[in-house]
Amino acid sequence: MIERNIGVAERIIRLILGVALITWVLTASSFHWPQGLALVAAFALLWNSIFARCYLWKWLRISTCSASGGECALGTTRAAMREATQEATRETTRETRGDGHSA
């Protein structure tokens, strides 16, 4: 499986576009090849938005994740990221005061 390469903002955009395409197909008066193509595109967009991975972006070496990679880390939640940041800040504060142990 490839690494996550789609950031949060792009995932939201892909989700909205996928839902919009499905809505267009469901409200169309008939089903022809444009609707079939739209369903394939909608499936791809929804799949990408759910799993935060795009094979085309991987092939083109594009990543919309943040530079730190925090927003694309597997299983990372905002609370976990906030807690890790606070812990790192506490450790830095202890080291600057001389309370911490240096490795």
PDB file of N, CA and C in Angstrom:
ATOM      1  N   MET A   1       0.842  -1.174   0.000  1.00  0.00           N
ATOM      2  CA  MET A   1       0.000   0.000   0.000  1.00  0.00           C
ATOM      3  C   MET A   1       0.892   1.243   0.000  1.00  0.00           C
ATOM      4  N   ILE A   2       0.477   2.264  -0.684  1.00  0.00           N
ATOM      5  CA  ILE A   2       1.272   3.483  -0.770  1.00  0.00           C
ATOM      6  C   ILE A   2       1.055   4.351   0.468  1.00  0.00           C
ATOM      7  N   GLU A   3       1.985   5.269   0.690  1.00  0.00           N
ATOM      8  CA  GLU A   3       1.858   6.205   1.805  1.00  0.00           C
ATOM      9  C   GLU A   3       0.739   7.197   1.523  1.00  0.00           C
ATOM     10  N   ARG A   4       0.190   7.743   2.568  1.00  0.00           N
ATOM     11  CA  ARG A   4      -0.827   8.781   2.406  1.00  0.00           C
ATOM     12  C   ARG A   4      -0.195   9.995   1.750  1.00  0.00           C
ATOM     13  N   ASN A   5      -0.876  10.551   0.752  1.00  0.00           N
ATOM     14  CA  ASN A   5      -0.324  11.694   0.041  1.00  0.00           C
ATOM     15  C   ASN A   5      -1.364  12.768  -0.259  1.00  0.00           C
ATOM     16  N   ILE A   6      -2.500  12.691   0.417  1.00  0.00           N
ATOM     17  CA  ILE A   6      -3.560  13.677   0.224  1.00  0.00           C
ATOM     18  C   ILE A   6      -3.849  14.337   1.570  1.00  0.00           C
ATOM     19  N   GLY A   7      -3.717  15.656   1.605  1.00  0.00           N
ATOM     20  CA  GLY A   7      -3.960  16.418   2.821  1.00  0.00           C
ATOM     21  C   GLY A   7      -5.440  16.569   3.128  1.00  0.00           C
ATOM     22  N   VAL A   8      -5.741  17.113   4.273  1.00  0.00           N
ATOM     23  CA  VAL A   8      -7.117  17.246   4.752  1.00  0.00           C
ATOM     24  C   VAL A   8      -7.962  18.109   3.817  1.00  0.00           C
ATOM     25  N   ALA A   9      -7.450  19.252   3.404  1.00  0.00           N
ATOM     26  CA  ALA A   9      -8.229  20.149   2.530  1.00  0.00           C
ATOM     27  C   ALA A   9      -8.574  19.457   1.213  1.00  0.00           C
ATOM     28  N   GLU A  10      -7.607  18.772   0.633  1.00  0.00           N
ATOM     29  CA  GLU A  10      -7.880  18.081  -0.630  1.00  0.00           C
ATOM     30  C   GLU A  10      -8.857  16.926  -0.433  1.00  0.00           C
ATOM     31  N   ARG A  11      -8.780  16.254   0.696  1.00  0.00           N
ATOM     32  CA  ARG A  11      -9.726  15.165   0.972  1.00  0.00           C
ATOM     33  C   ARG A  11     -11.157  15.697   1.030  1.00  0.00           C
ATOM     34  N   ILE A  12     -11.331  16.858   1.658  1.00  0.00           N
ATOM     35  CA  ILE A  12     -12.662  17.462   1.753  1.00  0.00           C
ATOM     36  C   ILE A  12     -13.165  17.849   0.371  1.00  0.00           C
ATOM     37  N   ILE A  13     -12.292  18.439  -0.438  1.00  0.00           N
ATOM     38  CA  ILE A  13     -12.681  18.831  -1.801  1.00  0.00           C
ATOM     39  C   ILE A  13     -13.079  17.605  -2.616  1.00  0.00           C
ATOM     40  N   ARG A  14     -12.297  16.541  -2.526  1.00  0.00           N
ATOM     41  CA  ARG A  14     -12.611  15.317  -3.267  1.00  0.00           C
ATOM     42  C   ARG A  14     -13.926  14.702  -2.803  1.00  0.00           C
ATOM     43  N   LEU A  15     -14.185  14.750  -1.514  1.00  0.00           N
ATOM     44  CA  LEU A  15     -15.439  14.224  -0.983  1.00  0.00           C
ATOM     45  C   LEU A  15     -16.627  15.014  -1.531  1.00  0.00           C
ATOM     46  N   ILE A  16     -16.527  16.330  -1.518  1.00  0.00           N
ATOM     47  CA  ILE A  16     -17.614  17.179  -2.026  1.00  0.00           C
ATOM     48  C   ILE A  16     -17.844  16.933  -3.513  1.00  0.00           C
ATOM     49  N   LEU A  17     -16.769  16.858  -4.289  1.00  0.00           N
ATOM     50  CA  LEU A  17     -16.908  16.603  -5.727  1.00  0.00           C
ATOM     51  C   LEU A  17     -17.515  15.227  -6.003  1.00  0.00           C
ATOM     52  N   GLY A  18     -17.097  14.227  -5.244  1.00  0.00           N
ATOM     53  CA  GLY A  18     -17.648  12.883  -5.417  1.00  0.00           C
ATOM     54  C   GLY A  18     -19.141  12.832  -5.130  1.00  0.00           C
ATOM     55  N   VAL A  19     -19.550  13.471  -4.048  1.00  0.00           N
ATOM     56  CA  VAL A  19     -20.971  13.512  -3.696  1.00  0.00           C
ATOM     57  C   VAL A  19     -21.759  14.303  -4.745  1.00  0.00           C
ATOM     58  N   ALA A  20     -21.180  15.396  -5.235  1.00  0.00           N
ATOM     59  CA  ALA A  20     -21.848  16.202  -6.269  1.00  0.00           C
ATOM     60  C   ALA A  20     -22.051  15.392  -7.547  1.00  0.00           C
ATOM     61  N   LEU A  21     -21.049  14.625  -7.942  1.00  0.00           N
ATOM     62  CA  LEU A  21     -21.191  13.796  -9.145  1.00  0.00           C
ATOM     63  C   LEU A  21     -22.257  12.720  -8.969  1.00  0.00           C
ATOM     64  N   ILE A  22     -22.280  12.100  -7.826  1.00  0.00           N
ATOM     65  CA  ILE A  22     -23.306  11.077  -7.564  1.00  0.00           C
ATOM     66  C   ILE A  22     -24.691  11.705  -7.570  1.00  0.00           C
ATOM     67  N   THR A  23     -24.823  12.880  -6.979  1.00  0.00           N
ATOM     68  CA  THR A  23     -26.104  13.587  -6.975  1.00  0.00           C
ATOM     69  C   THR A  23     -26.544  13.912  -8.396  1.00  0.00           C
ATOM     70  N   TRP A  24     -25.609  14.363  -9.220  1.00  0.00           N
ATOM     71  CA  TRP A  24     -25.928  14.665 -10.623  1.00  0.00           C
ATOM     72  C   TRP A  24     -26.416  13.415 -11.356  1.00  0.00           C
ATOM     73  N   VAL A  25     -25.738  12.291 -11.134  1.00  0.00           N
ATOM     74  CA  VAL A  25     -26.135  11.041 -11.798  1.00  0.00           C
ATOM     75  C   VAL A  25     -27.521  10.604 -11.331  1.00  0.00           C
ATOM     76  N   LEU A  26     -27.782  10.699 -10.044  1.00  0.00           N
ATOM     77  CA  LEU A  26     -29.073  10.249  -9.505  1.00  0.00           C
ATOM     78  C   LEU A  26     -30.239  11.143  -9.924  1.00  0.00           C
ATOM     79  N   THR A  27     -29.945  12.402 -10.196  1.00  0.00           N
ATOM     80  CA  THR A  27     -31.024  13.315 -10.595  1.00  0.00           C
ATOM     81  C   THR A  27     -31.162  13.445 -12.111  1.00  0.00           C
ATOM     82  N   ALA A  28     -30.272  12.798 -12.858  1.00  0.00           N
ATOM     83  CA  ALA A  28     -30.349  12.864 -14.322  1.00  0.00           C
ATOM     84  C   ALA A  28     -31.588  12.128 -14.811  1.00  0.00           C
ATOM     85  N   SER A  29     -32.166  12.611 -15.904  1.00  0.00           N
ATOM     86  CA  SER A  29     -33.386  11.993 -16.437  1.00  0.00           C
ATOM     87  C   SER A  29     -33.100  10.662 -17.132  1.00  0.00           C
ATOM     88  N   SER A  30     -31.868  10.469 -17.602  1.00  0.00           N
ATOM     89  CA  SER A  30     -31.504   9.191 -18.235  1.00  0.00           C
ATOM     90  C   SER A  30     -30.064   8.848 -17.879  1.00  0.00           C
ATOM     91  N   PHE A  31     -29.699   7.599 -18.145  1.00  0.00           N
ATOM     92  CA  PHE A  31     -28.361   7.129 -17.822  1.00  0.00           C
ATOM     93  C   PHE A  31     -27.659   6.732 -19.118  1.00  0.00           C
ATOM     94  N   HIS A  32     -26.632   7.509 -19.485  1.00  0.00           N
ATOM     95  CA  HIS A  32     -25.842   7.234 -20.679  1.00  0.00           C
ATOM     96  C   HIS A  32     -24.368   7.220 -20.289  1.00  0.00           C
ATOM     97  N   TRP A  33     -23.491   7.224 -21.267  1.00  0.00           N
ATOM     98  CA  TRP A  33     -22.067   7.117 -20.962  1.00  0.00           C
ATOM     99  C   TRP A  33     -21.529   8.262 -20.107  1.00  0.00           C
ATOM    100  N   PRO A  34     -22.017   9.507 -20.224  1.00  0.00           N
ATOM    101  CA  PRO A  34     -21.475  10.544 -19.322  1.00  0.00           C
ATOM    102  C   PRO A  34     -21.769  10.252 -17.848  1.00  0.00           C
ATOM    103  N   GLN A  35     -22.948   9.721 -17.578  1.00  0.00           N
ATOM    104  CA  GLN A  35     -23.288   9.376 -16.197  1.00  0.00           C
ATOM    105  C   GLN A  35     -22.436   8.197 -15.705  1.00  0.00           C
ATOM    106  N   GLY A  36     -22.170   7.252 -16.572  1.00  0.00           N
ATOM    107  CA  GLY A  36     -21.311   6.123 -16.202  1.00  0.00           C
ATOM    108  C   GLY A  36     -19.897   6.588 -15.888  1.00  0.00           C
ATOM    109  N   LEU A  37     -19.383   7.482 -16.725  1.00  0.00           N
ATOM    110  CA  LEU A  37     -18.058   8.046 -16.491  1.00  0.00           C
ATOM    111  C   LEU A  37     -18.033   8.850 -15.188  1.00  0.00           C
ATOM    112  N   ALA A  38     -19.123   9.584 -14.931  1.00  0.00           N
ATOM    113  CA  ALA A  38     -19.214  10.366 -13.695  1.00  0.00           C
ATOM    114  C   ALA A  38     -19.230   9.455 -12.473  1.00  0.00           C
ATOM    115  N   LEU A  39     -19.884   8.308 -12.559  1.00  0.00           N
ATOM    116  CA  LEU A  39     -19.905   7.367 -11.435  1.00  0.00           C
ATOM    117  C   LEU A  39     -18.517   6.800 -11.159  1.00  0.00           C
ATOM    118  N   VAL A  40     -17.778   6.486 -12.211  1.00  0.00           N
ATOM    119  CA  VAL A  40     -16.408   5.993 -12.032  1.00  0.00           C
ATOM    120  C   VAL A  40     -15.556   7.072 -11.366  1.00  0.00           C
ATOM    121  N   ALA A  41     -15.661   8.305 -11.854  1.00  0.00           N
ATOM    122  CA  ALA A  41     -14.901   9.415 -11.267  1.00  0.00           C
ATOM    123  C   ALA A  41     -15.314   9.650  -9.814  1.00  0.00           C
ATOM    124  N   ALA A  42     -16.619   9.583  -9.537  1.00  0.00           N
ATOM    125  CA  ALA A  42     -17.112   9.783  -8.167  1.00  0.00           C
ATOM    126  C   ALA A  42     -16.564   8.704  -7.239  1.00  0.00           C
ATOM    127  N   PHE A  43     -16.565   7.463  -7.700  1.00  0.00           N
ATOM    128  CA  PHE A  43     -16.022   6.369  -6.888  1.00  0.00           C
ATOM    129  C   PHE A  43     -14.549   6.624  -6.575  1.00  0.00           C
ATOM    130  N   ALA A  44     -13.767   7.029  -7.585  1.00  0.00           N
ATOM    131  CA  ALA A  44     -12.346   7.298  -7.381  1.00  0.00           C
ATOM    132  C   ALA A  44     -12.145   8.450  -6.394  1.00  0.00           C
ATOM    133  N   LEU A  45     -12.924   9.514  -6.549  1.00  0.00           N
ATOM    134  CA  LEU A  45     -12.799  10.663  -5.645  1.00  0.00           C
ATOM    135  C   LEU A  45     -13.156  10.290  -4.209  1.00  0.00           C
ATOM    136  N   LEU A  46     -14.238   9.547  -4.041  1.00  0.00           N
ATOM    137  CA  LEU A  46     -14.640   9.131  -2.693  1.00  0.00           C
ATOM    138  C   LEU A  46     -13.607   8.193  -2.083  1.00  0.00           C
ATOM    139  N   TRP A  47     -13.111   7.259  -2.866  1.00  0.00           N
ATOM    140  CA  TRP A  47     -12.093   6.313  -2.396  1.00  0.00           C
ATOM    141  C   TRP A  47     -10.853   7.078  -1.928  1.00  0.00           C
ATOM    142  N   ASN A  48     -10.402   8.039  -2.743  1.00  0.00           N
ATOM    143  CA  ASN A  48      -9.240   8.854  -2.383  1.00  0.00           C
ATOM    144  C   ASN A  48      -9.494   9.663  -1.125  1.00  0.00           C
ATOM    145  N   SER A  49     -10.690  10.231  -0.998  1.00  0.00           N
ATOM    146  CA  SER A  49     -10.969  11.061   0.170  1.00  0.00           C
ATOM    147  C   SER A  49     -11.040  10.239   1.450  1.00  0.00           C
ATOM    148  N   ILE A  50     -11.504   9.013   1.359  1.00  0.00           N
ATOM    149  CA  ILE A  50     -11.609   8.161   2.543  1.00  0.00           C
ATOM    150  C   ILE A  50     -10.230   7.681   3.000  1.00  0.00           C
ATOM    151  N   PHE A  51      -9.413   7.229   2.059  1.00  0.00           N
ATOM    152  CA  PHE A  51      -8.138   6.601   2.418  1.00  0.00           C
ATOM    153  C   PHE A  51      -6.922   7.529   2.314  1.00  0.00           C
ATOM    154  N   ALA A  52      -7.108   8.756   1.825  1.00  0.00           N
ATOM    155  CA  ALA A  52      -6.038   9.765   1.743  1.00  0.00           C
ATOM    156  C   ALA A  52      -4.864   9.314   0.885  1.00  0.00           C
ATOM    157  N   ARG A  53      -5.164   8.512  -0.134  1.00  0.00           N
ATOM    158  CA  ARG A  53      -4.127   8.032  -1.032  1.00  0.00           C
ATOM    159  C   ARG A  53      -4.594   8.195  -2.466  1.00  0.00           C
ATOM    160  N   CYS A  54      -3.683   8.665  -3.318  1.00  0.00           N
ATOM    161  CA  CYS A  54      -3.997   8.819  -4.732  1.00  0.00           C
ATOM    162  C   CYS A  54      -2.834   8.249  -5.539  1.00  0.00           C
ATOM    163  N   TYR A  55      -3.113   7.221  -6.330  1.00  0.00           N
ATOM    164  CA  TYR A  55      -2.053   6.578  -7.106  1.00  0.00           C
ATOM    165  C   TYR A  55      -1.526   7.496  -8.209  1.00  0.00           C
ATOM    166  N   LEU A  56      -2.381   8.343  -8.764  1.00  0.00           N
ATOM    167  CA  LEU A  56      -1.922   9.295  -9.767  1.00  0.00           C
ATOM    168  C   LEU A  56      -0.951  10.287  -9.138  1.00  0.00           C
ATOM    169  N   TRP A  57      -1.281  10.777  -7.940  1.00  0.00           N
ATOM    170  CA  TRP A  57      -0.391  11.709  -7.250  1.00  0.00           C
ATOM    171  C   TRP A  57       0.935  11.012  -6.926  1.00  0.00           C
ATOM    172  N   LYS A  58       0.885   9.741  -6.535  1.00  0.00           N
ATOM    173  CA  LYS A  58       2.121   8.989  -6.244  1.00  0.00           C
ATOM    174  C   LYS A  58       2.973   8.892  -7.498  1.00  0.00           C
ATOM    175  N   TRP A  59       2.361   8.576  -8.620  1.00  0.00           N
ATOM    176  CA  TRP A  59       3.074   8.450  -9.886  1.00  0.00           C
ATOM    177  C   TRP A  59       3.691   9.780 -10.309  1.00  0.00           C
ATOM    178  N   LEU A  60       2.977  10.878 -10.070  1.00  0.00           N
ATOM    179  CA  LEU A  60       3.463  12.214 -10.407  1.00  0.00           C
ATOM    180  C   LEU A  60       4.343  12.817  -9.313  1.00  0.00           C
ATOM    181  N   ARG A  61       4.517  12.077  -8.206  1.00  0.00           N
ATOM    182  CA  ARG A  61       5.312  12.518  -7.049  1.00  0.00           C
ATOM    183  C   ARG A  61       4.772  13.809  -6.439  1.00  0.00           C
ATOM    184  N   ILE A  62       3.445  13.849  -6.288  1.00  0.00           N
ATOM    185  CA  ILE A  62       2.770  14.995  -5.689  1.00  0.00           C
ATOM    186  C   ILE A  62       2.239  14.574  -4.325  1.00  0.00           C
ATOM    187  N   SER A  63       2.376  15.451  -3.351  1.00  0.00           N
ATOM    188  CA  SER A  63       1.797  15.216  -2.031  1.00  0.00           C
ATOM    189  C   SER A  63       1.247  16.535  -1.514  1.00  0.00           C
ATOM    190  N   THR A  64       0.004  16.518  -1.054  1.00  0.00           N
ATOM    191  CA  THR A  64      -0.594  17.721  -0.481  1.00  0.00           C
ATOM    192  C   THR A  64      -0.622  17.647   1.040  1.00  0.00           C
ATOM    193  N   CYS A  65       0.143  16.717   1.593  1.00  0.00           N
ATOM    194  CA  CYS A  65       0.275  16.645   3.049  1.00  0.00           C
ATOM    195  C   CYS A  65       1.138  17.804   3.515  1.00  0.00           C
ATOM    196  N   SER A  66       1.011  18.145   4.786  1.00  0.00           N
ATOM    197  CA  SER A  66       1.837  19.217   5.335  1.00  0.00           C
ATOM    198  C   SER A  66       3.297  18.771   5.327  1.00  0.00           C
ATOM    199  N   ALA A  67       4.192  19.726   5.401  1.00  0.00           N
ATOM    200  CA  ALA A  67       5.629  19.434   5.356  1.00  0.00           C
ATOM    201  C   ALA A  67       6.051  18.502   6.485  1.00  0.00           C
ATOM    202  N   SER A  68       5.429  18.648   7.660  1.00  0.00           N
ATOM    203  CA  SER A  68       5.776  17.790   8.792  1.00  0.00           C
ATOM    204  C   SER A  68       5.200  16.400   8.650  1.00  0.00           C
ATOM    205  N   GLY A  69       4.190  16.239   7.774  1.00  0.00           N
ATOM    206  CA  GLY A  69       3.573  14.935   7.575  1.00  0.00           C
ATOM    207  C   GLY A  69       2.582  14.561   8.653  1.00  0.00           C
ATOM    208  N   GLY A  70       2.366  15.449   9.627  1.00  0.00           N
ATOM    209  CA  GLY A  70       1.482  15.143  10.747  1.00  0.00           C
ATOM    210  C   GLY A  70       0.053  14.890  10.344  1.00  0.00           C
ATOM    211  N   GLU A  71      -0.462  15.663   9.386  1.00  0.00           N
ATOM    212  CA  GLU A  71      -1.868  15.504   9.032  1.00  0.00           C
ATOM    213  C   GLU A  71      -2.121  14.256   8.202  1.00  0.00           C
ATOM    214  N   CYS A  72      -1.084  13.635   7.684  1.00  0.00           N
ATOM    215  CA  CYS A  72      -1.258  12.434   6.878  1.00  0.00           C
ATOM    216  C   CYS A  72      -0.783  11.184   7.587  1.00  0.00           C
ATOM    217  N   ALA A  73      -0.322  11.318   8.816  1.00  0.00           N
ATOM    218  CA  ALA A  73       0.152  10.156   9.546  1.00  0.00           C
ATOM    219  C   ALA A  73      -1.000   9.206   9.823  1.00  0.00           C
ATOM    220  N   LEU A  74      -0.748   7.934   9.659  1.00  0.00           N
ATOM    221  CA  LEU A  74      -1.776   6.926   9.833  1.00  0.00           C
ATOM    222  C   LEU A  74      -2.270   6.901  11.274  1.00  0.00           C
ATOM    223  N   GLY A  75      -3.566   6.993  11.461  1.00  0.00           N
ATOM    224  CA  GLY A  75      -4.166   6.902  12.779  1.00  0.00           C
ATOM    225  C   GLY A  75      -4.000   8.140  13.634  1.00  0.00           C
ATOM    226  N   THR A  76      -3.551   9.212  13.064  1.00  0.00           N
ATOM    227  CA  THR A  76      -3.326  10.420  13.838  1.00  0.00           C
ATOM    228  C   THR A  76      -4.625  11.208  13.970  1.00  0.00           C
ATOM    229  N   THR A  77      -4.942  11.583  15.179  1.00  0.00           N
ATOM    230  CA  THR A  77      -6.107  12.429  15.414  1.00  0.00           C
ATOM    231  C   THR A  77      -5.612  13.772  15.905  1.00  0.00           C
ATOM    232  N   ARG A  78      -6.471  14.762  15.849  1.00  0.00           N
ATOM    233  CA  ARG A  78      -6.081  16.088  16.327  1.00  0.00           C
ATOM    234  C   ARG A  78      -5.685  16.043  17.795  1.00  0.00           C
ATOM    235  N   ALA A  79      -6.425  15.287  18.588  1.00  0.00           N
ATOM    236  CA  ALA A  79      -6.121  15.213  20.022  1.00  0.00           C
ATOM    237  C   ALA A  79      -4.749  14.575  20.241  1.00  0.00           C
ATOM    238  N   ALA A  80      -4.441  13.526  19.497  1.00  0.00           N
ATOM    239  CA  ALA A  80      -3.143  12.865  19.637  1.00  0.00           C
ATOM    240  C   ALA A  80      -2.022  13.794  19.199  1.00  0.00           C
ATOM    241  N   MET A  81      -2.251  14.542  18.107  1.00  0.00           N
ATOM    242  CA  MET A  81      -1.245  15.494  17.640  1.00  0.00           C
ATOM    243  C   MET A  81      -1.034  16.595  18.668  1.00  0.00           C
ATOM    244  N   ARG A  82      -2.139  17.103  19.251  1.00  0.00           N
ATOM    245  CA  ARG A  82      -2.048  18.155  20.255  1.00  0.00           C
ATOM    246  C   ARG A  82      -1.287  17.649  21.480  1.00  0.00           C
ATOM    247  N   GLU A  83      -1.589  16.430  21.902  1.00  0.00           N
ATOM    248  CA  GLU A  83      -0.922  15.860  23.062  1.00  0.00           C
ATOM    249  C   GLU A  83       0.575  15.678  22.802  1.00  0.00           C
ATOM    250  N   ALA A  84       0.941  15.219  21.629  1.00  0.00           N
ATOM    251  CA  ALA A  84       2.352  15.041  21.289  1.00  0.00           C
ATOM    252  C   ALA A  84       3.074  16.385  21.260  1.00  0.00           C
ATOM    253  N   THR A  85       2.414  17.397  20.731  1.00  0.00           N
ATOM    254  CA  THR A  85       3.005  18.739  20.685  1.00  0.00           C
ATOM    255  C   THR A  85       3.210  19.281  22.091  1.00  0.00           C
ATOM    256  N   GLN A  86       2.217  19.100  22.961  1.00  0.00           N
ATOM    257  CA  GLN A  86       2.333  19.582  24.336  1.00  0.00           C
ATOM    258  C   GLN A  86       3.451  18.856  25.075  1.00  0.00           C
ATOM    259  N   GLU A  87       3.569  17.548  24.842  1.00  0.00           N
ATOM    260  CA  GLU A  87       4.632  16.780  25.498  1.00  0.00           C
ATOM    261  C   GLU A  87       6.001  17.247  25.011  1.00  0.00           C
ATOM    262  N   ALA A  88       6.129  17.498  23.725  1.00  0.00           N
ATOM    263  CA  ALA A  88       7.401  17.992  23.182  1.00  0.00           C
ATOM    264  C   ALA A  88       7.738  19.362  23.765  1.00  0.00           C
ATOM    265  N   THR A  89       6.731  20.206  23.936  1.00  0.00           N
ATOM    266  CA  THR A  89       6.945  21.527  24.525  1.00  0.00           C
ATOM    267  C   THR A  89       7.404  21.396  25.971  1.00  0.00           C
ATOM    268  N   ARG A  90       6.783  20.490  26.722  1.00  0.00           N
ATOM    269  CA  ARG A  90       7.177  20.272  28.113  1.00  0.00           C
ATOM    270  C   ARG A  90       8.626  19.783  28.194  1.00  0.00           C
ATOM    271  N   GLU A  91       9.002  18.859  27.306  1.00  0.00           N
ATOM    272  CA  GLU A  91      10.374  18.350  27.307  1.00  0.00           C
ATOM    273  C   GLU A  91      11.374  19.455  26.968  1.00  0.00           C
ATOM    274  N   THR A  92      11.030  20.270  26.003  1.00  0.00           N
ATOM    275  CA  THR A  92      11.907  21.381  25.620  1.00  0.00           C
ATOM    276  C   THR A  92      12.066  22.355  26.781  1.00  0.00           C
ATOM    277  N   THR A  93      10.975  22.639  27.486  1.00  0.00           N
ATOM    278  CA  THR A  93      11.013  23.546  28.631  1.00  0.00           C
ATOM    279  C   THR A  93      11.890  22.973  29.733  1.00  0.00           C
ATOM    280  N   ARG A  94      11.766  21.667  29.998  1.00  0.00           N
ATOM    281  CA  ARG A  94      12.591  21.035  31.029  1.00  0.00           C
ATOM    282  C   ARG A  94      14.066  21.092  30.652  1.00  0.00           C
ATOM    283  N   GLU A  95      14.379  20.872  29.381  1.00  0.00           N
ATOM    284  CA  GLU A  95      15.779  20.897  28.948  1.00  0.00           C
ATOM    285  C   GLU A  95      16.373  22.285  29.043  1.00  0.00           C
ATOM    286  N   THR A  96      15.581  23.313  28.700  1.00  0.00           N
ATOM    287  CA  THR A  96      16.113  24.672  28.776  1.00  0.00           C
ATOM    288  C   THR A  96      16.314  25.112  30.227  1.00  0.00           C
ATOM    289  N   ARG A  97      15.499  24.595  31.127  1.00  0.00           N
ATOM    290  CA  ARG A  97      15.650  24.926  32.553  1.00  0.00           C
ATOM    291  C   ARG A  97      16.749  24.077  33.197  1.00  0.00           C
ATOM    292  N   GLY A  98      17.129  23.006  32.558  1.00  0.00           N
ATOM    293  CA  GLY A  98      18.134  22.124  33.138  1.00  0.00           C
ATOM    294  C   GLY A  98      17.513  21.023  33.984  1.00  0.00           C
ATOM    295  N   ASP A  99      16.169  20.885  33.931  1.00  0.00           N
ATOM    296  CA  ASP A  99      15.487  19.862  34.720  1.00  0.00           C
ATOM    297  C   ASP A  99      15.522  18.502  34.047  1.00  0.00           C
ATOM    298  N   GLY A 100      15.666  18.479  32.738  1.00  0.00           N
ATOM    299  CA  GLY A 100      15.568  17.224  31.985  1.00  0.00           C
ATOM    300  C   GLY A 100      16.923  16.569  31.827  1.00  0.00           C
ATOM    301  N   HIS A 101      16.872  15.370  31.363  1.00  0.00           N
ATOM    302  CA  HIS A 101      18.090  14.603  31.104  1.00  0.00           C
ATOM    303  C   HIS A 101      18.429  14.709  29.630  1.00  0.00           C
ATOM    304  N   SER A 102      19.648  15.058  29.317  1.00  0.00           N
ATOM    305  CA  SER A 102      20.068  15.156  27.922  1.00  0.00           C
ATOM    306  C   SER A 102      20.624  13.833  27.477  1.00  0.00           C
ATOM    307  N   ALA A 103      20.350  13.457  26.268  1.00  0.00           N
ATOM    308  CA  ALA A 103      20.866  12.182  25.759  1.00  0.00           C
ATOM    309  C   ALA A 103      22.145  12.402  25.009  1.00  0.00           C
TER     310      ALA A 103
END
